[in-house]
Amino acid sequence: MEKIVLVNLIIVFFNFRIVGCIYSLYLLSPQMTLFTVGIVPIVVVTGSLFGTILRKLSARAQSQNGVVAGVASEAFQNIRTVKVFAMEEAEQSLYEREVEKTKSLYGQLGLGIGLFQAASNLFLNGLILGVLYGGGQLVISNVLSPGDLMAFLASAQTIQRSLAQLSFVFGSGIKVWSSCGRIMEILRLDPKYGKSGTFVIPAHSLVGNIELSNIYFSYPTRPGHEVLRGLNMNIGNGQTIAICGSSGAGKSTVAALIERIYEPVAGRIKLDGIELNKLDSKWLRRNVIGVISQEPVLFSTSIKENIRYGKIDATEDEIKHAADLANASQFIEQFPEGYDTIVGERGVTLSGGQKQRIAIARALLKNTPILILDEATSALDTESERLIHQALNRALKGRTVIVIAHRLSTIRNADSIYVLEGGQVVEKGTHQQLIKNTNGKYYGLVKEQEHFQNNDKERIIGG
C-alpha cells in the first residue's frame, strides 16, 4: 500500500514538472512546442495499450505465484500422508512444474517491461533529435535565436528525462498495482455472510433457547444443491440435543448456521426469540456459543495459551480448573514444562485424544451457555473417548448442548435426537422411542453401526 502511494506521488510530481516545462517551451517557440507536444498523445495512447497488456500479465504472474505457495503449503501440512504414500517425488515434480510456469510468466513480464522502457527511451531520444533539427532550421531562418534554441533544448531534455523516469516508475508500478489488486478486491467485497447486528441479550436475561424454522440452505459453491430443505428444530434451555444421520445429511451444516458461519437461504434461526442476524456476531461467538470439533485446531504455542485462547484474561487457576474438567490436567502435568509445554504446529507433539481434551478445556473456559460438540469424539480411541465422556458429563450440566456424532453410543442419553436425511428431519425422539421403530432411519443406523463394530471385533480376535 505504501508503494502504491509513493508511485502515485512520484507520478503527480513529474506531471507538474512536465506541465511547467511545456509552458516554458511555449514562451520560447510556439511552433516548436506544438510539434513537441503534438506527438505526446500518440505516445500516451500507445503506452496505455502496452500498460494494459503488462498489467494483465503481471496479474497472471501474481496468481501463479499464489499457486506455487499453495502447492508447497499443502504438501508440508500433509507431510505425513505424502510420506506414507511415497509421493515425495510427485510433489516435488508438481512444485517444479508450477515454479517453471511462474518463471515463464515473470520472464515474459520482465521482457515486456524492458521493451516498453527501451521503446520509450528510443522515442524520447528521437524527439530530442527532431527538436534539434527543427530548431536548427528555425535558427537558419532567423525565426529563433541560437540562445532560445539552447534554452528550448534544455527544457525539452528536462521533459525527456521526466518521461523516461516515468517509464521506469510505470514499470515498477505495474508490479505493485498487480500485487495489491487482489487484496483491494477482497477488501472492497461486501460480506455476504455474518453481517453483524448490534443487539446483545443481557447476561441475566439469556436463557439459551434455539429455534430453527423452515430452514433452507445451499453452499455458495453449489447453489443448486440444497443441503437443508425445510428443516425445523426447537432446542430448549439446558437440554442435550443430538443430531445424527448419514454422511451428507446436513448435520454439521446445522452447527455452522447456529454459529453464523453461514446464513440460511430461507427460514429463521432465533435465540431466545430474537433472530440471530439481529444479534452482535462477536458477542454471540465470544459469550454464547462454544464449539468443540472433530479436528481441534491448536496453535504453535504453549498448552496454557491454547486453553486461554477461549478467554484471553483467564487466570492460572481458571486454566487449571478447565483442564481438570476436561480430564487434561493429568497428562499436562506429566510434561517437564507442564502448562508451558509448546505443542508445535497444529499440536503435532500431542496425541489425538490429548488435543481433543485441550480443545474441550478451551471451550469450557469460555463457560458459554450453549455448547456444540461437532463429532467431538468420533476420531478417538475407546480410552480417550471414555475420559472425554467423563469430562463432558461433569461439565455440561445446566448448558444447552448440541451433539453431532456418527458414533450413536455418544448420544443415547440425549434428551432428544433429531435424525436427518436429505436435509430434513425424518425422525425425532429419545433413543428408547426411536429404537422401537424397526422401520425407521435411526433403527437402521444403529443396526448398521453394530454390524460394523461386530466385524471389527471379529477381525481383532482373528488377528
Protein backbone atom coordinates (compact mmCIF):
# COMPACT_ATOMS: atom_id res chain seq x y z
CA MET A 1 0.00 0.00 0.00
CA GLU A 2 2.84 2.40 0.86
CA LYS A 3 4.47 1.62 -2.50
CA ILE A 4 1.26 2.45 -4.37
CA VAL A 5 1.02 5.83 -2.59
CA LEU A 6 4.71 6.53 -3.32
CA VAL A 7 4.34 5.64 -7.02
CA ASN A 8 1.28 7.88 -7.36
CA LEU A 9 3.04 10.79 -5.62
CA ILE A 10 6.03 10.45 -7.97
CA ILE A 11 3.72 10.46 -11.00
CA VAL A 12 1.93 13.60 -9.73
CA PHE A 13 5.30 15.34 -9.14
CA PHE A 14 6.56 14.52 -12.63
CA ASN A 15 3.27 15.66 -14.19
CA PHE A 16 3.60 19.10 -12.53
CA ARG A 17 7.23 19.27 -13.67
CA ILE A 18 6.32 18.43 -17.28
CA VAL A 19 3.48 20.99 -17.37
CA GLY A 20 5.86 23.71 -16.15
CA CYS A 21 8.43 22.85 -18.79
CA ILE A 22 5.81 22.85 -21.57
CA TYR A 23 4.80 26.38 -20.55
CA SER A 24 8.44 27.48 -20.75
CA LEU A 25 8.75 25.91 -24.21
CA TYR A 26 5.67 27.76 -25.43
CA LEU A 27 7.15 31.10 -24.35
CA LEU A 28 10.34 30.33 -26.31
CA SER A 29 8.76 28.96 -29.51
CA PRO A 30 5.06 28.21 -30.00
CA GLN A 31 5.77 26.38 -33.30
CA MET A 32 8.34 24.02 -31.79
CA THR A 33 6.12 23.47 -28.74
CA LEU A 34 3.17 22.39 -30.89
CA PHE A 35 5.47 19.96 -32.73
CA THR A 36 6.81 18.55 -29.47
CA VAL A 37 3.51 18.31 -27.60
CA GLY A 38 1.56 17.10 -30.64
CA ILE A 39 3.42 13.79 -30.67
CA VAL A 40 2.87 13.11 -26.94
CA PRO A 41 -0.79 11.86 -27.25
CA ILE A 42 0.39 9.16 -29.65
CA VAL A 43 2.90 8.02 -27.05
CA VAL A 44 0.30 8.15 -24.25
CA VAL A 45 -2.22 6.03 -26.18
CA THR A 46 0.44 3.51 -27.21
CA GLY A 47 1.80 3.39 -23.65
CA SER A 48 -1.70 2.85 -22.21
CA LEU A 49 -2.35 -0.09 -24.52
CA PHE A 50 1.04 -1.56 -23.70
CA GLY A 51 0.42 -0.96 -19.99
CA THR A 52 -2.92 -2.81 -20.09
CA ILE A 53 -1.19 -5.87 -21.55
CA LEU A 54 1.56 -5.70 -18.94
CA ARG A 55 -0.90 -5.33 -16.04
CA LYS A 56 -2.83 -8.42 -17.15
CA LEU A 57 0.42 -10.34 -17.49
CA SER A 58 1.54 -9.18 -14.05
CA ALA A 59 -1.79 -10.25 -12.53
CA ARG A 60 -1.36 -13.73 -14.05
CA ALA A 61 2.16 -13.92 -12.64
CA GLN A 62 0.94 -12.93 -9.16
CA SER A 63 -1.85 -15.50 -9.32
CA GLN A 64 0.59 -18.21 -10.38
CA ASN A 65 2.85 -17.19 -7.50
CA GLY A 66 -0.05 -17.97 -5.17
CA VAL A 67 -0.46 -21.40 -6.79
CA VAL A 68 3.20 -22.19 -6.09
CA ALA A 69 2.84 -21.15 -2.44
CA GLY A 70 -0.35 -23.22 -2.16
CA VAL A 71 1.30 -26.38 -3.53
CA ALA A 72 4.19 -26.07 -1.07
CA SER A 73 1.93 -25.26 1.88
CA GLU A 74 -0.41 -28.17 1.19
CA ALA A 75 2.47 -30.63 0.86
CA PHE A 76 4.04 -29.54 4.16
CA GLN A 77 0.72 -29.52 6.00
CA ASN A 78 0.06 -33.08 4.87
CA ILE A 79 3.66 -34.28 5.04
CA ARG A 80 2.74 -37.49 6.84
CA THR A 81 0.32 -38.53 4.09
CA VAL A 82 2.89 -37.60 1.45
CA LYS A 83 5.49 -39.83 3.11
CA VAL A 84 3.12 -42.74 3.75
CA PHE A 85 2.20 -42.89 0.07
CA ALA A 86 5.83 -42.28 -1.04
CA MET A 87 4.72 -39.22 -3.01
CA GLU A 88 7.74 -37.00 -2.28
CA GLU A 89 8.97 -37.10 -5.87
CA ALA A 90 5.48 -36.49 -7.27
CA GLU A 91 5.01 -33.46 -5.01
CA GLN A 92 8.46 -32.18 -5.93
CA SER A 93 7.66 -32.57 -9.64
CA LEU A 94 4.36 -30.75 -9.20
CA TYR A 95 6.12 -27.93 -7.37
CA GLU A 96 8.81 -27.69 -10.07
CA ARG A 97 6.18 -27.52 -12.83
CA GLU A 98 4.37 -24.69 -11.09
CA VAL A 99 7.66 -22.87 -10.45
CA GLU A 100 8.50 -23.16 -14.17
CA LYS A 101 5.15 -21.63 -15.06
CA THR A 102 5.85 -18.78 -12.64
CA LYS A 103 9.36 -18.33 -14.04
CA SER A 104 7.97 -18.17 -17.59
CA LEU A 105 5.33 -15.58 -16.69
CA TYR A 106 7.79 -13.36 -14.83
CA GLY A 107 10.23 -13.73 -17.73
CA GLN A 108 7.55 -12.51 -20.14
CA LEU A 109 6.68 -9.68 -17.76
CA GLY A 110 10.32 -8.60 -17.43
CA LEU A 111 10.77 -8.71 -21.20
CA GLY A 112 7.60 -6.66 -21.72
CA ILE A 113 8.64 -4.00 -19.21
CA GLY A 114 12.13 -3.89 -20.73
CA LEU A 115 10.75 -3.45 -24.26
CA PHE A 116 8.37 -0.75 -23.03
CA GLN A 117 11.16 1.20 -21.36
CA ALA A 118 13.50 0.75 -24.35
CA ALA A 119 10.83 1.90 -26.81
CA SER A 120 10.04 4.90 -24.59
CA ASN A 121 13.70 5.94 -24.44
CA LEU A 122 14.15 5.43 -28.18
CA PHE A 123 11.17 7.63 -28.95
CA LEU A 124 12.18 10.33 -26.47
CA ASN A 125 15.75 10.50 -27.77
CA GLY A 126 14.34 10.68 -31.30
CA LEU A 127 12.14 13.55 -30.14
CA ILE A 128 15.21 15.47 -28.94
CA LEU A 129 16.92 14.89 -32.29
CA GLY A 130 13.77 16.15 -34.02
CA VAL A 131 13.76 19.26 -31.84
CA LEU A 132 17.44 19.86 -32.62
CA TYR A 133 16.86 19.51 -36.36
CA GLY A 134 13.68 21.63 -36.43
CA GLY A 135 15.20 24.26 -34.17
CA GLY A 136 18.27 24.45 -36.40
CA GLN A 137 16.06 25.20 -39.38
CA LEU A 138 14.33 27.98 -37.43
CA VAL A 139 17.72 29.46 -36.43
CA ILE A 140 18.84 29.46 -40.09
CA SER A 141 15.59 31.24 -40.99
CA ASN A 142 16.19 33.81 -38.20
CA VAL A 143 12.87 32.83 -36.58
CA LEU A 144 14.64 31.56 -33.46
CA SER A 145 17.88 32.77 -31.88
CA PRO A 146 20.65 30.26 -31.01
CA GLY A 147 20.23 31.12 -27.31
CA ASP A 148 16.49 30.43 -27.41
CA LEU A 149 17.18 27.13 -29.19
CA MET A 150 19.59 26.07 -26.44
CA ALA A 151 17.06 27.06 -23.75
CA PHE A 152 14.32 25.21 -25.64
CA LEU A 153 16.55 22.16 -25.98
CA ALA A 154 17.37 22.21 -22.24
CA SER A 155 13.67 22.33 -21.32
CA ALA A 156 12.87 19.61 -23.86
CA GLN A 157 15.58 17.41 -22.32
CA THR A 158 14.03 18.00 -18.89
CA ILE A 159 10.72 16.71 -20.27
CA GLN A 160 12.55 13.80 -21.91
CA ARG A 161 14.23 12.82 -18.64
CA SER A 162 10.96 13.14 -16.72
CA LEU A 163 9.12 10.93 -19.21
CA ALA A 164 11.98 8.42 -19.16
CA GLN A 165 11.86 8.28 -15.37
CA LEU A 166 8.08 7.91 -15.55
CA SER A 167 8.52 4.84 -17.75
CA PHE A 168 10.67 3.24 -15.04
CA VAL A 169 8.17 4.24 -12.36
CA PHE A 170 5.39 2.83 -14.53
CA GLY A 171 7.26 -0.47 -14.84
CA SER A 172 7.62 -0.74 -11.07
CA GLY A 173 4.06 0.43 -10.58
CA ILE A 174 2.69 -2.39 -12.73
CA LYS A 175 4.17 -4.95 -10.32
CA VAL A 176 2.95 -3.06 -7.25
CA TRP A 177 -0.58 -2.49 -8.57
CA SER A 178 -1.00 -6.13 -9.59
CA SER A 179 0.34 -7.31 -6.21
CA CYS A 180 -2.15 -5.21 -4.31
CA GLY A 181 -5.00 -5.55 -6.78
CA ARG A 182 -6.33 -8.81 -5.35
CA ILE A 183 -6.03 -7.50 -1.78
CA MET A 184 -8.01 -4.38 -2.65
CA GLU A 185 -10.59 -6.50 -4.48
CA ILE A 186 -11.14 -8.57 -1.35
CA LEU A 187 -11.26 -5.50 0.91
CA ARG A 188 -13.95 -3.96 -1.28
CA LEU A 189 -16.15 -7.06 -1.14
CA ASP A 190 -19.44 -6.67 0.68
CA PRO A 191 -19.61 -9.58 3.15
CA LYS A 192 -22.35 -11.97 2.11
CA TYR A 193 -22.44 -13.81 5.42
CA GLY A 194 -22.10 -12.80 9.04
CA LYS A 195 -23.14 -9.17 8.78
CA SER A 196 -23.29 -8.33 12.43
CA GLY A 197 -26.32 -6.92 14.13
CA THR A 198 -25.98 -4.74 17.20
CA PHE A 199 -28.35 -6.31 19.70
CA VAL A 200 -26.94 -8.03 22.80
CA ILE A 201 -29.01 -10.06 25.25
CA PRO A 202 -28.08 -9.13 28.84
CA ALA A 203 -26.38 -11.98 30.69
CA HIS A 204 -29.10 -12.14 33.36
CA SER A 205 -31.80 -12.45 30.66
CA LEU A 206 -30.05 -15.02 28.46
CA VAL A 207 -31.85 -18.38 28.55
CA GLY A 208 -30.40 -20.33 25.62
CA ASN A 209 -33.46 -21.47 23.66
CA ILE A 210 -32.72 -22.03 19.96
CA GLU A 211 -35.38 -22.27 17.27
CA LEU A 212 -34.81 -23.16 13.61
CA SER A 213 -37.89 -22.56 11.46
CA ASN A 214 -38.29 -23.84 7.88
CA ILE A 215 -34.56 -23.59 7.11
CA TYR A 216 -33.33 -23.90 3.52
CA PHE A 217 -29.63 -23.74 2.75
CA SER A 218 -27.22 -24.26 -0.15
CA TYR A 219 -23.47 -23.70 -0.04
CA PRO A 220 -22.23 -20.81 -2.22
CA THR A 221 -20.09 -23.15 -4.31
CA ARG A 222 -23.11 -25.35 -5.11
CA PRO A 223 -26.16 -23.05 -5.14
CA GLY A 224 -28.26 -25.62 -6.99
CA HIS A 225 -27.80 -28.31 -4.33
CA GLU A 226 -29.98 -27.86 -1.24
CA VAL A 227 -28.23 -29.21 1.85
CA LEU A 228 -31.16 -28.34 4.14
CA ARG A 229 -34.78 -28.33 2.99
CA GLY A 230 -37.48 -27.03 5.30
CA LEU A 231 -35.67 -28.05 8.48
CA ASN A 232 -37.32 -27.32 11.84
CA MET A 233 -35.82 -27.72 15.32
CA ASN A 234 -36.57 -26.50 18.82
CA ILE A 235 -33.73 -26.74 21.33
CA GLY A 236 -34.70 -25.88 24.89
CA ASN A 237 -32.55 -24.37 27.60
CA GLY A 238 -30.43 -26.92 29.44
CA GLN A 239 -31.32 -29.72 27.05
CA THR A 240 -28.87 -32.05 25.33
CA ILE A 241 -29.97 -32.40 21.73
CA ALA A 242 -28.36 -34.90 19.37
CA ILE A 243 -28.31 -34.67 15.58
CA CYS A 244 -27.48 -37.81 13.62
CA GLY A 245 -27.84 -39.12 10.10
CA SER A 246 -25.91 -40.44 7.15
CA SER A 247 -22.90 -38.61 5.74
CA GLY A 248 -24.05 -35.52 3.84
CA ALA A 249 -27.40 -35.32 5.61
CA GLY A 250 -26.64 -31.76 6.81
CA LYS A 251 -25.62 -32.35 10.45
CA SER A 252 -22.55 -30.11 10.52
CA THR A 253 -24.33 -27.52 8.37
CA VAL A 254 -26.86 -27.02 11.17
CA ALA A 255 -23.98 -26.25 13.55
CA ALA A 256 -22.42 -23.80 11.06
CA LEU A 257 -25.73 -21.93 10.74
CA ILE A 258 -26.15 -21.65 14.51
CA GLU A 259 -22.58 -20.32 14.74
CA ARG A 260 -23.47 -17.83 11.97
CA ILE A 261 -20.62 -19.02 9.75
CA TYR A 262 -23.29 -19.07 7.05
CA GLU A 263 -26.76 -17.58 6.69
CA PRO A 264 -29.80 -19.65 5.68
CA VAL A 265 -31.14 -19.06 2.17
CA ALA A 266 -34.64 -19.05 3.65
CA GLY A 267 -36.11 -19.51 7.10
CA ARG A 268 -35.24 -18.09 10.51
CA ILE A 269 -32.94 -19.00 13.37
CA LYS A 270 -33.74 -17.44 16.74
CA LEU A 271 -32.02 -17.29 20.10
CA ASP A 272 -34.49 -16.62 22.91
CA GLY A 273 -36.97 -15.33 20.32
CA ILE A 274 -34.51 -12.93 18.67
CA GLU A 275 -33.27 -13.59 15.13
CA LEU A 276 -29.54 -14.37 15.01
CA ASN A 277 -28.85 -11.83 12.26
CA LYS A 278 -30.00 -9.06 14.62
CA LEU A 279 -27.52 -10.09 17.31
CA ASP A 280 -23.92 -8.91 17.54
CA SER A 281 -21.86 -11.70 15.93
CA LYS A 282 -18.77 -11.22 18.09
CA TRP A 283 -20.84 -11.21 21.26
CA LEU A 284 -22.66 -14.36 20.09
CA ARG A 285 -19.47 -16.33 19.40
CA ARG A 286 -17.49 -14.98 22.34
CA ASN A 287 -20.10 -15.18 25.09
CA VAL A 288 -22.89 -17.51 24.00
CA ILE A 289 -21.64 -20.36 21.81
CA GLY A 290 -18.71 -22.70 22.42
CA VAL A 291 -17.62 -25.25 19.81
CA ILE A 292 -15.62 -28.48 20.03
CA SER A 293 -14.95 -30.03 16.63
CA GLN A 294 -13.65 -33.41 15.49
CA GLU A 295 -10.27 -31.99 14.47
CA PRO A 296 -9.33 -29.42 17.12
CA VAL A 297 -7.18 -26.53 15.96
CA LEU A 298 -4.21 -25.84 18.22
CA PHE A 299 -1.73 -23.03 17.73
CA SER A 300 2.04 -23.37 17.84
CA THR A 301 2.34 -22.02 21.35
CA SER A 302 2.07 -23.37 24.91
CA ILE A 303 -0.73 -25.56 26.26
CA LYS A 304 -1.65 -22.73 28.61
CA GLU A 305 -2.05 -20.21 25.79
CA ASN A 306 -4.07 -22.68 23.73
CA ILE A 307 -6.53 -23.18 26.59
CA ARG A 308 -6.59 -19.45 27.32
CA TYR A 309 -7.49 -18.73 23.68
CA GLY A 310 -11.12 -19.08 24.69
CA LYS A 311 -10.72 -16.40 27.36
CA ILE A 312 -7.64 -14.19 27.00
CA ASP A 313 -7.86 -12.73 30.53
CA ALA A 314 -8.21 -16.12 32.27
CA THR A 315 -6.17 -16.66 35.43
CA GLU A 316 -3.85 -19.61 36.06
CA ASP A 317 -6.41 -21.15 38.42
CA GLU A 318 -9.19 -20.87 35.83
CA ILE A 319 -7.00 -22.54 33.21
CA LYS A 320 -6.15 -25.43 35.53
CA HIS A 321 -9.78 -25.83 36.57
CA ALA A 322 -10.84 -26.07 32.91
CA ALA A 323 -8.11 -28.64 32.31
CA ASP A 324 -9.36 -30.65 35.31
CA LEU A 325 -12.91 -30.64 33.94
CA ALA A 326 -11.61 -31.83 30.56
CA ASN A 327 -9.53 -34.65 32.13
CA ALA A 328 -6.45 -32.96 30.68
CA SER A 329 -4.54 -31.89 33.79
CA GLN A 330 -3.05 -35.33 34.44
CA PHE A 331 -1.21 -35.67 31.13
CA ILE A 332 -0.32 -31.96 31.05
CA GLU A 333 1.40 -32.13 34.43
CA GLN A 334 3.45 -35.12 33.27
CA PHE A 335 5.28 -32.92 30.76
CA PRO A 336 8.55 -31.42 32.11
CA GLU A 337 7.31 -27.89 31.38
CA GLY A 338 3.69 -28.59 32.32
CA TYR A 339 1.27 -25.97 31.05
CA ASP A 340 4.16 -24.10 29.38
CA THR A 341 4.84 -27.02 27.03
CA ILE A 342 4.91 -25.93 23.38
CA VAL A 343 2.53 -28.10 21.36
CA GLY A 344 4.10 -27.44 17.94
CA GLU A 345 2.35 -26.52 14.72
CA ARG A 346 -1.28 -27.73 14.82
CA GLY A 347 -0.47 -29.61 18.05
CA VAL A 348 1.84 -32.07 16.30
CA THR A 349 3.52 -33.17 19.57
CA LEU A 350 0.23 -34.34 21.12
CA SER A 351 -1.97 -37.36 20.50
CA GLY A 352 -5.48 -37.01 19.09
CA GLY A 353 -7.07 -37.56 22.50
CA GLN A 354 -4.77 -35.03 24.17
CA LYS A 355 -5.52 -32.38 21.55
CA GLN A 356 -9.23 -33.03 21.92
CA ARG A 357 -9.11 -32.60 25.70
CA ILE A 358 -7.21 -29.32 25.37
CA ALA A 359 -9.86 -28.13 22.92
CA ILE A 360 -12.56 -29.13 25.40
CA ALA A 361 -10.75 -27.24 28.17
CA ARG A 362 -10.61 -24.18 25.91
CA ALA A 363 -14.35 -24.38 25.25
CA LEU A 364 -15.18 -24.94 28.91
CA LEU A 365 -13.04 -21.98 29.96
CA LYS A 366 -15.34 -19.72 27.92
CA ASN A 367 -18.19 -21.04 30.08
CA THR A 368 -20.79 -20.40 27.37
CA PRO A 369 -24.45 -21.34 27.91
CA ILE A 370 -24.56 -23.16 24.55
CA LEU A 371 -22.03 -25.81 23.55
CA ILE A 372 -21.79 -27.51 20.17
CA LEU A 373 -19.96 -30.85 20.02
CA ASP A 374 -19.41 -31.43 16.32
CA GLU A 375 -18.39 -35.13 16.17
CA ALA A 376 -16.09 -34.34 19.08
CA THR A 377 -15.26 -37.97 19.91
CA SER A 378 -15.63 -39.74 16.56
CA ALA A 379 -11.89 -39.90 15.89
CA LEU A 380 -10.76 -41.11 19.31
CA ASP A 381 -9.82 -44.47 20.76
CA THR A 382 -12.04 -46.05 23.39
CA GLU A 383 -9.98 -44.92 26.40
CA SER A 384 -9.75 -41.31 25.21
CA GLU A 385 -13.46 -41.30 24.47
CA ARG A 386 -14.19 -42.61 27.98
CA LEU A 387 -12.12 -39.84 29.58
CA ILE A 388 -13.80 -37.20 27.45
CA HIS A 389 -17.27 -38.51 28.22
CA GLN A 390 -16.46 -38.28 31.93
CA ALA A 391 -15.33 -34.69 31.44
CA LEU A 392 -18.36 -33.73 29.40
CA ASN A 393 -20.83 -35.36 31.79
CA ARG A 394 -19.41 -33.23 34.62
CA ALA A 395 -19.21 -30.00 32.64
CA LEU A 396 -22.37 -29.93 30.56
CA LYS A 397 -24.89 -29.63 33.37
CA GLY A 398 -27.06 -26.54 33.01
CA ARG A 399 -25.97 -25.86 29.41
CA THR A 400 -27.79 -26.15 26.14
CA VAL A 401 -25.82 -28.84 24.31
CA ILE A 402 -25.96 -29.79 20.63
CA VAL A 403 -24.18 -33.06 19.85
CA ILE A 404 -23.41 -34.05 16.26
CA ALA A 405 -21.99 -37.56 16.03
CA HIS A 406 -21.60 -40.66 13.92
CA ARG A 407 -21.00 -42.86 16.95
CA LEU A 408 -24.53 -43.37 18.19
CA SER A 409 -23.18 -44.60 21.53
CA THR A 410 -22.36 -40.97 22.31
CA ILE A 411 -25.97 -39.77 22.02
CA ARG A 412 -28.06 -42.50 23.69
CA ASN A 413 -28.65 -40.33 26.77
CA ALA A 414 -29.66 -37.19 24.85
CA ASP A 415 -32.94 -35.53 25.84
CA SER A 416 -33.98 -35.58 22.20
CA ILE A 417 -32.47 -36.98 19.00
CA TYR A 418 -33.08 -35.46 15.57
CA VAL A 419 -32.47 -37.82 12.64
CA LEU A 420 -31.65 -36.05 9.37
CA GLU A 421 -31.96 -37.42 5.87
CA GLY A 422 -31.72 -35.35 2.71
CA GLY A 423 -31.59 -32.10 4.67
CA GLN A 424 -34.83 -32.76 6.55
CA VAL A 425 -35.80 -34.06 9.98
CA VAL A 426 -37.25 -37.53 9.33
CA GLU A 427 -37.42 -38.69 12.97
CA LYS A 428 -37.35 -37.14 16.42
CA GLY A 429 -37.45 -38.62 19.91
CA THR A 430 -35.36 -40.23 22.64
CA HIS A 431 -33.20 -43.27 21.98
CA GLN A 432 -35.75 -45.53 23.64
CA GLN A 433 -38.56 -44.14 21.48
CA LEU A 434 -36.70 -44.24 18.18
CA ILE A 435 -35.18 -47.71 18.58
CA LYS A 436 -38.67 -49.23 18.82
CA ASN A 437 -39.43 -48.22 15.23
CA THR A 438 -37.77 -51.10 13.37
CA ASN A 439 -38.59 -49.48 10.03
CA GLY A 440 -37.14 -46.11 11.00
CA LYS A 441 -33.92 -44.44 9.87
CA TYR A 442 -32.49 -44.32 13.39
CA TYR A 443 -33.01 -48.04 13.92
CA GLY A 444 -31.22 -48.71 10.64
CA LEU A 445 -28.27 -46.50 11.63
CA VAL A 446 -27.94 -48.27 14.99
CA LYS A 447 -28.01 -51.74 13.44
CA GLU A 448 -25.58 -50.72 10.71
CA GLN A 449 -23.14 -49.40 13.30
CA GLU A 450 -23.48 -52.50 15.47
CA HIS A 451 -22.74 -54.63 12.41
CA PHE A 452 -19.52 -52.74 11.68
CA GLN A 453 -18.46 -52.85 15.35
CA ASN A 454 -19.01 -56.63 15.48
CA ASN A 455 -16.97 -57.09 12.31
CA ASP A 456 -14.17 -55.02 13.80
CA LYS A 457 -14.18 -57.18 16.95
CA GLU A 458 -14.04 -60.36 14.86
CA ARG A 459 -11.07 -59.04 12.89
CA ILE A 460 -9.27 -58.12 16.10
CA ILE A 461 -9.95 -61.53 17.69
CA GLY A 462 -8.97 -63.34 14.49
CA GLY A 463 -5.67 -61.47 14.45
